[in-house]
Protein backbone atom coordinates (compact mmCIF):
# COMPACT_ATOMS: atom_id res chain seq x y z
CA UNK A 1 -51.67 -37.61 41.14
CA UNK A 2 -51.01 -41.03 43.24
CA UNK A 3 -47.45 -42.85 42.33
CA UNK A 4 -46.90 -46.94 42.69
CA UNK A 5 -43.95 -46.08 45.00
CA UNK A 6 -41.33 -43.18 45.55
CA UNK A 7 -39.20 -44.17 42.95
CA UNK A 8 -42.28 -43.42 40.45
CA UNK A 9 -42.65 -39.80 41.59
CA UNK A 10 -40.66 -36.81 40.06
CA UNK A 11 -38.26 -35.33 42.02
CA UNK A 12 -38.57 -31.82 43.82
CA UNK A 13 -35.97 -30.24 41.43
CA UNK A 14 -37.84 -31.86 38.34
CA UNK A 15 -41.38 -30.10 39.69
CA UNK A 16 -40.07 -27.04 40.75
CA UNK A 17 -38.82 -26.70 36.93
CA UNK A 18 -41.85 -27.85 35.27
CA UNK A 19 -43.91 -25.19 37.94
CA UNK A 20 -41.38 -22.51 36.52
CA UNK A 21 -41.68 -23.51 33.13
CA UNK A 22 -45.71 -23.21 33.17
CA UNK A 23 -45.29 -19.90 34.88
CA UNK A 24 -42.87 -18.68 32.21
CA UNK A 25 -45.02 -19.82 29.58
CA UNK A 26 -48.08 -18.28 31.15
CA UNK A 27 -46.20 -14.82 31.40
CA UNK A 28 -45.01 -14.74 27.84
CA UNK A 29 -49.16 -15.72 26.89
CA UNK A 30 -50.15 -12.51 29.12
CA UNK A 31 -47.63 -10.27 27.66
CA UNK A 32 -48.64 -11.26 24.11
CA UNK A 33 -52.47 -10.50 24.96
CA UNK A 34 -51.42 -7.84 26.60
CA UNK A 35 -49.44 -6.05 23.43
CA UNK A 36 -52.34 -7.23 21.27
CA UNK A 37 -54.97 -5.68 23.74
CA UNK A 38 -52.87 -2.28 23.32
CA UNK A 39 -52.54 -2.51 19.39
CA UNK A 40 -56.63 -3.15 19.02
CA UNK A 41 -56.99 0.17 21.56
CA UNK A 42 -54.52 2.50 19.74
CA UNK A 43 -56.21 1.27 16.32
CA UNK A 44 -59.56 2.40 17.74
CA UNK A 45 -58.03 5.46 19.12
CA UNK A 46 -56.75 6.16 15.52
CA UNK A 47 -59.98 5.57 13.96
CA UNK A 48 -62.10 7.72 16.27
CA UNK A 49 -59.63 10.61 15.71
CA UNK A 50 -59.75 10.24 12.07
CA UNK A 51 -63.41 10.05 12.24
CA UNK A 52 -63.47 13.00 14.06
CA UNK A 53 -60.99 15.04 11.99
CA UNK A 54 -63.26 14.18 8.91
CA UNK A 55 -66.54 15.33 10.72
CA UNK A 56 -64.68 18.95 11.98
CA UNK A 57 -63.36 18.98 8.08
CA UNK A 58 -66.83 18.80 6.76
CA UNK A 59 -68.45 21.22 9.36
């Protein structure tokens, strides 16, 4: 990113704040996707257990 003059460039604090904001948003997204993955994993596990339970009953 090129600026015409030094006054056009954001100050260091603004740049750092923007960087932290991006990191925090990414971490929030990662936590959300982690929870979704865990939920899908548990639901698959429940379905497999229920299927095994039904086949054991039938036998």
